[in-house]
């Protein structure tokens, strides 16, 4: 599962490179993904996730357990 956030489900978007002469060629806008390890105290173990920076901020705010629970309910969590 390359270039997809495991928490939010963010994926690459498509668009155009536009030159000075207004020539358009296809390009992709990639999400800012980071591979990060998180400790889950309830299960007493570490997990490694590929998450967007927005997801890291959300995890810092709400906690890893709550975020994983929400992502499972939403159907975006893959691990």
C-alpha atoms as a PDB file:
ATOM      1  CA  UNK A   1       0.000   0.000   0.000  1.00  0.00           C
ATOM      2  CA  UNK A   2       2.315   2.692  -1.238  1.00  0.00           C
ATOM      3  CA  UNK A   3       1.750   6.414  -0.691  1.00  0.00           C
ATOM      4  CA  UNK A   4      -1.497   6.045   1.264  1.00  0.00           C
ATOM      5  CA  UNK A   5      -1.929   7.218   4.857  1.00  0.00           C
ATOM      6  CA  UNK A   6      -2.988   4.298   7.048  1.00  0.00           C
ATOM      7  CA  UNK A   7      -5.020   6.546   9.379  1.00  0.00           C
ATOM      8  CA  UNK A   8      -6.660   9.209   7.204  1.00  0.00           C
ATOM      9  CA  UNK A   9      -6.598   7.364   3.872  1.00  0.00           C
ATOM     10  CA  UNK A  10      -5.002  10.323   2.067  1.00  0.00           C
ATOM     11  CA  UNK A  11      -3.840   9.390  -1.459  1.00  0.00           C
ATOM     12  CA  UNK A  12      -2.012  11.158  -4.287  1.00  0.00           C
ATOM     13  CA  UNK A  13      -4.025  13.652  -6.348  1.00  0.00           C
ATOM     14  CA  UNK A  14      -3.485  14.503  -9.998  1.00  0.00           C
ATOM     15  CA  UNK A  15      -3.072  17.833 -11.717  1.00  0.00           C
ATOM     16  CA  UNK A  16      -1.059  19.604 -14.376  1.00  0.00           C
ATOM     17  CA  UNK A  17       2.354  21.181 -14.668  1.00  0.00           C
ATOM     18  CA  UNK A  18       1.720  24.419 -16.533  1.00  0.00           C
ATOM     19  CA  UNK A  19       4.621  25.975 -18.415  1.00  0.00           C
ATOM     20  CA  UNK A  20       5.132  29.634 -19.224  1.00  0.00           C
ATOM     21  CA  UNK A  21       3.828  28.831 -22.732  1.00  0.00           C
ATOM     22  CA  UNK A  22       0.710  27.308 -21.084  1.00  0.00           C
ATOM     23  CA  UNK A  23       1.671  23.733 -22.067  1.00  0.00           C
ATOM     24  CA  UNK A  24       0.115  21.228 -19.678  1.00  0.00           C
ATOM     25  CA  UNK A  25       1.569  17.876 -18.658  1.00  0.00           C
ATOM     26  CA  UNK A  26       0.170  15.532 -16.032  1.00  0.00           C
ATOM     27  CA  UNK A  27       1.707  15.397 -12.562  1.00  0.00           C
ATOM     28  CA  UNK A  28       0.878  13.953  -9.153  1.00  0.00           C
ATOM     29  CA  UNK A  29       0.573  15.700  -5.795  1.00  0.00           C
ATOM     30  CA  UNK A  30       1.764  13.286  -3.102  1.00  0.00           C
ATOM     31  CA  UNK A  31       0.659  13.408   0.554  1.00  0.00           C
ATOM     32  CA  UNK A  32       3.387  14.177   3.098  1.00  0.00           C
ATOM     33  CA  UNK A  33       3.799  10.644   4.488  1.00  0.00           C
ATOM     34  CA  UNK A  34       6.158   9.646   7.279  1.00  0.00           C
ATOM     35  CA  UNK A  35       6.946   6.180   8.627  1.00  0.00           C
ATOM     36  CA  UNK A  36       6.558   6.414  12.395  1.00  0.00           C
ATOM     37  CA  UNK A  37       6.479   4.028  15.345  1.00  0.00           C
ATOM     38  CA  UNK A  38       3.798   4.454  18.006  1.00  0.00           C
ATOM     39  CA  UNK A  39       3.544   2.764  21.401  1.00  0.00           C
ATOM     40  CA  UNK A  40       0.130   1.365  22.345  1.00  0.00           C
ATOM     41  CA  UNK A  41       0.037   1.125  26.160  1.00  0.00           C
ATOM     42  CA  UNK A  42      -3.145  -1.008  26.264  1.00  0.00           C
ATOM     43  CA  UNK A  43      -1.488  -3.763  24.223  1.00  0.00           C
ATOM     44  CA  UNK A  44       2.017  -2.988  25.533  1.00  0.00           C
ATOM     45  CA  UNK A  45       3.544  -3.040  22.047  1.00  0.00           C
ATOM     46  CA  UNK A  46       4.933  -0.816  19.290  1.00  0.00           C
ATOM     47  CA  UNK A  47       3.371  -0.497  15.841  1.00  0.00           C
ATOM     48  CA  UNK A  48       4.860   1.090  12.729  1.00  0.00           C
ATOM     49  CA  UNK A  49       2.516   3.137  10.571  1.00  0.00           C
ATOM     50  CA  UNK A  50       2.880   5.138   7.378  1.00  0.00           C
ATOM     51  CA  UNK A  51       0.958   8.283   8.291  1.00  0.00           C
ATOM     52  CA  UNK A  52       0.510  11.807   6.977  1.00  0.00           C
ATOM     53  CA  UNK A  53       1.762  14.726   9.045  1.00  0.00           C
ATOM     54  CA  UNK A  54      -1.856  15.735   9.684  1.00  0.00           C
ATOM     55  CA  UNK A  55      -2.471  12.272  11.173  1.00  0.00           C
ATOM     56  CA  UNK A  56       0.597  12.664  13.436  1.00  0.00           C
ATOM     57  CA  UNK A  57      -0.843  15.921  14.780  1.00  0.00           C
ATOM     58  CA  UNK A  58      -4.208  14.220  15.359  1.00  0.00           C
ATOM     59  CA  UNK A  59      -2.513  11.326  17.192  1.00  0.00           C
ATOM     60  CA  UNK A  60      -0.647  13.800  19.412  1.00  0.00           C
ATOM     61  CA  UNK A  61      -3.952  15.520  20.220  1.00  0.00           C
ATOM     62  CA  UNK A  62      -6.301  12.553  20.755  1.00  0.00           C
ATOM     63  CA  UNK A  63      -3.967   9.639  21.469  1.00  0.00           C
ATOM     64  CA  UNK A  64      -3.058   6.638  19.345  1.00  0.00           C
ATOM     65  CA  UNK A  65      -5.747   4.300  20.732  1.00  0.00           C
ATOM     66  CA  UNK A  66      -8.622   6.699  20.038  1.00  0.00           C
ATOM     67  CA  UNK A  67      -7.353   7.502  16.540  1.00  0.00           C
ATOM     68  CA  UNK A  68      -6.946   3.819  15.613  1.00  0.00           C
ATOM     69  CA  UNK A  69     -10.448   3.091  16.901  1.00  0.00           C
ATOM     70  CA  UNK A  70     -11.918   5.913  14.776  1.00  0.00           C
ATOM     71  CA  UNK A  71      -9.947   4.809  11.703  1.00  0.00           C
ATOM     72  CA  UNK A  72     -11.194   1.215  12.069  1.00  0.00           C
ATOM     73  CA  UNK A  73     -14.787   2.451  12.270  1.00  0.00           C
ATOM     74  CA  UNK A  74     -14.230   4.633   9.200  1.00  0.00           C
ATOM     75  CA  UNK A  75     -12.553   1.760   7.362  1.00  0.00           C
ATOM     76  CA  UNK A  76      -9.241   3.470   6.583  1.00  0.00           C
ATOM     77  CA  UNK A  77      -7.017   1.674   9.092  1.00  0.00           C
ATOM     78  CA  UNK A  78      -4.833  -1.004   7.499  1.00  0.00           C
ATOM     79  CA  UNK A  79      -2.359  -2.892   9.662  1.00  0.00           C
END
